[in-house]
């Protein structure tokens, strides 16, 4: 099992999760985070930290696409270990449907 970040993170990018991760397996894109599935140790401490409920175990239905999504972008984006402010419209976008199609950016974040 591993944990993944899904599209609920897009356009919010809360980073509460990165500070509790004992193995630093979060990677930062311009407007979301991902978890490297091969680095995640399945401890689960990040899941309750996410205000957007974007971190899920890969054992839930239809998660394989998110495992691959997280793997792809964790290999392209920089690691993030320090909490940052969420994106300016995070509260507005939290819970919005269709964020992958509307807002997703492949651009890397700053990391750090």
Protein backbone atom coordinates (compact mmCIF):
# COMPACT_ATOMS: atom_id res chain seq x y z
CA UNK A 1 0.00 0.00 0.00
CA UNK A 2 1.00 3.61 -0.55
CA UNK A 3 -0.71 6.95 -0.21
CA UNK A 4 -1.41 9.23 -3.16
CA UNK A 5 -2.51 12.81 -3.70
CA UNK A 6 -5.54 13.24 -5.94
CA UNK A 7 -7.09 16.18 -7.78
CA UNK A 8 -8.60 17.63 -4.59
CA UNK A 9 -5.15 19.18 -4.00
CA UNK A 10 -5.12 21.08 -7.30
CA UNK A 11 -5.50 24.85 -6.89
CA UNK A 12 -5.37 24.51 -3.08
CA UNK A 13 -1.91 23.06 -2.36
CA UNK A 14 -2.10 22.91 1.40
CA UNK A 15 1.30 21.78 2.67
CA UNK A 16 0.46 20.68 6.21
CA UNK A 17 1.28 17.13 5.11
CA UNK A 18 4.93 17.74 4.22
CA UNK A 19 6.00 18.61 7.75
CA UNK A 20 4.76 15.32 9.23
CA UNK A 21 6.19 13.04 6.52
CA UNK A 22 9.09 11.07 8.07
CA UNK A 23 10.62 10.17 4.68
CA UNK A 24 10.21 13.42 2.70
CA UNK A 25 8.31 11.80 -0.18
CA UNK A 26 6.23 14.85 -1.19
CA UNK A 27 7.02 16.69 -4.41
CA UNK A 28 5.80 20.15 -5.39
CA UNK A 29 4.17 21.21 -8.60
CA UNK A 30 3.05 24.72 -9.43
CA UNK A 31 -0.44 24.13 -8.03
CA UNK A 32 -0.46 20.75 -6.26
CA UNK A 33 1.65 18.18 -4.43
CA UNK A 34 2.27 14.50 -5.18
CA UNK A 35 3.70 11.58 -3.22
CA UNK A 36 6.38 9.32 -4.69
CA UNK A 37 4.71 5.90 -4.31
CA UNK A 38 8.03 4.05 -4.10
CA UNK A 39 9.31 6.28 -1.29
CA UNK A 40 6.11 6.35 0.80
CA UNK A 41 6.39 4.01 3.80
CA UNK A 42 2.61 3.80 4.25
CA UNK A 43 2.65 5.31 7.72
CA UNK A 44 -0.49 7.37 7.07
CA UNK A 45 0.44 10.37 9.21
CA UNK A 46 -0.08 12.73 6.26
CA UNK A 47 -3.67 11.73 5.49
CA UNK A 48 -5.40 13.44 8.46
CA UNK A 49 -3.26 16.57 7.99
CA UNK A 50 -4.80 17.45 4.61
CA UNK A 51 -7.63 20.01 4.94
CA UNK A 52 -8.78 19.21 1.37
CA UNK A 53 -8.97 15.43 1.96
CA UNK A 54 -6.69 14.96 -1.07
CA UNK A 55 -4.47 12.24 0.41
CA UNK A 56 -5.91 8.75 0.05
CA UNK A 57 -4.62 5.18 0.37
CA UNK A 58 -4.10 3.38 -2.92
CA UNK A 59 -6.33 0.55 -1.70
CA UNK A 60 -9.47 2.59 -2.43
CA UNK A 61 -11.31 1.91 -5.72
CA UNK A 62 -9.93 3.46 -8.94
CA UNK A 63 -6.67 4.64 -7.39
CA UNK A 64 -4.26 3.02 -9.89
CA UNK A 65 -4.41 6.08 -12.18
CA UNK A 66 -3.46 8.31 -9.23
CA UNK A 67 -0.55 6.05 -8.28
CA UNK A 68 0.84 6.45 -11.79
CA UNK A 69 0.06 10.19 -11.82
CA UNK A 70 1.92 10.64 -8.51
CA UNK A 71 4.85 8.54 -9.74
CA UNK A 72 5.16 10.54 -12.97
CA UNK A 73 5.19 13.97 -11.39
CA UNK A 74 7.27 13.02 -8.33
CA UNK A 75 10.03 12.16 -10.78
CA UNK A 76 9.75 15.58 -12.47
CA UNK A 77 9.09 17.96 -9.56
CA UNK A 78 11.33 19.02 -6.64
CA UNK A 79 10.96 17.57 -3.16
CA UNK A 80 9.17 19.74 -0.59
CA UNK A 81 9.75 19.38 3.15
CA UNK A 82 8.76 22.82 4.46
CA UNK A 83 5.20 24.02 5.04
CA UNK A 84 4.17 26.97 2.86
CA UNK A 85 1.05 29.09 2.60
CA UNK A 86 -1.74 27.53 0.53
CA UNK A 87 -2.60 29.04 -2.84
CA UNK A 88 -4.59 32.32 -2.66
CA UNK A 89 -7.89 30.76 -3.82
CA UNK A 90 -7.51 27.55 -1.78
CA UNK A 91 -10.63 28.04 0.33
CA UNK A 92 -12.71 28.90 -2.75
CA UNK A 93 -11.43 25.90 -4.73
CA UNK A 94 -11.62 23.35 -1.88
CA UNK A 95 -14.17 20.71 -2.85
CA UNK A 96 -14.63 21.97 -6.41
CA UNK A 97 -15.24 19.29 -9.04
CA UNK A 98 -13.24 18.91 -12.27
CA UNK A 99 -10.06 20.57 -11.01
CA UNK A 100 -7.74 18.29 -13.02
CA UNK A 101 -9.26 19.48 -16.31
CA UNK A 102 -9.68 23.11 -15.24
CA UNK A 103 -6.54 23.99 -13.32
CA UNK A 104 -3.79 21.35 -13.37
CA UNK A 105 -0.32 22.59 -14.31
CA UNK A 106 2.59 20.30 -15.17
CA UNK A 107 5.03 23.05 -14.18
CA UNK A 108 7.23 22.29 -11.18
CA UNK A 109 6.98 24.21 -7.94
CA UNK A 110 9.93 25.71 -6.08
CA UNK A 111 10.44 22.82 -3.67
CA UNK A 112 12.17 23.42 -0.38
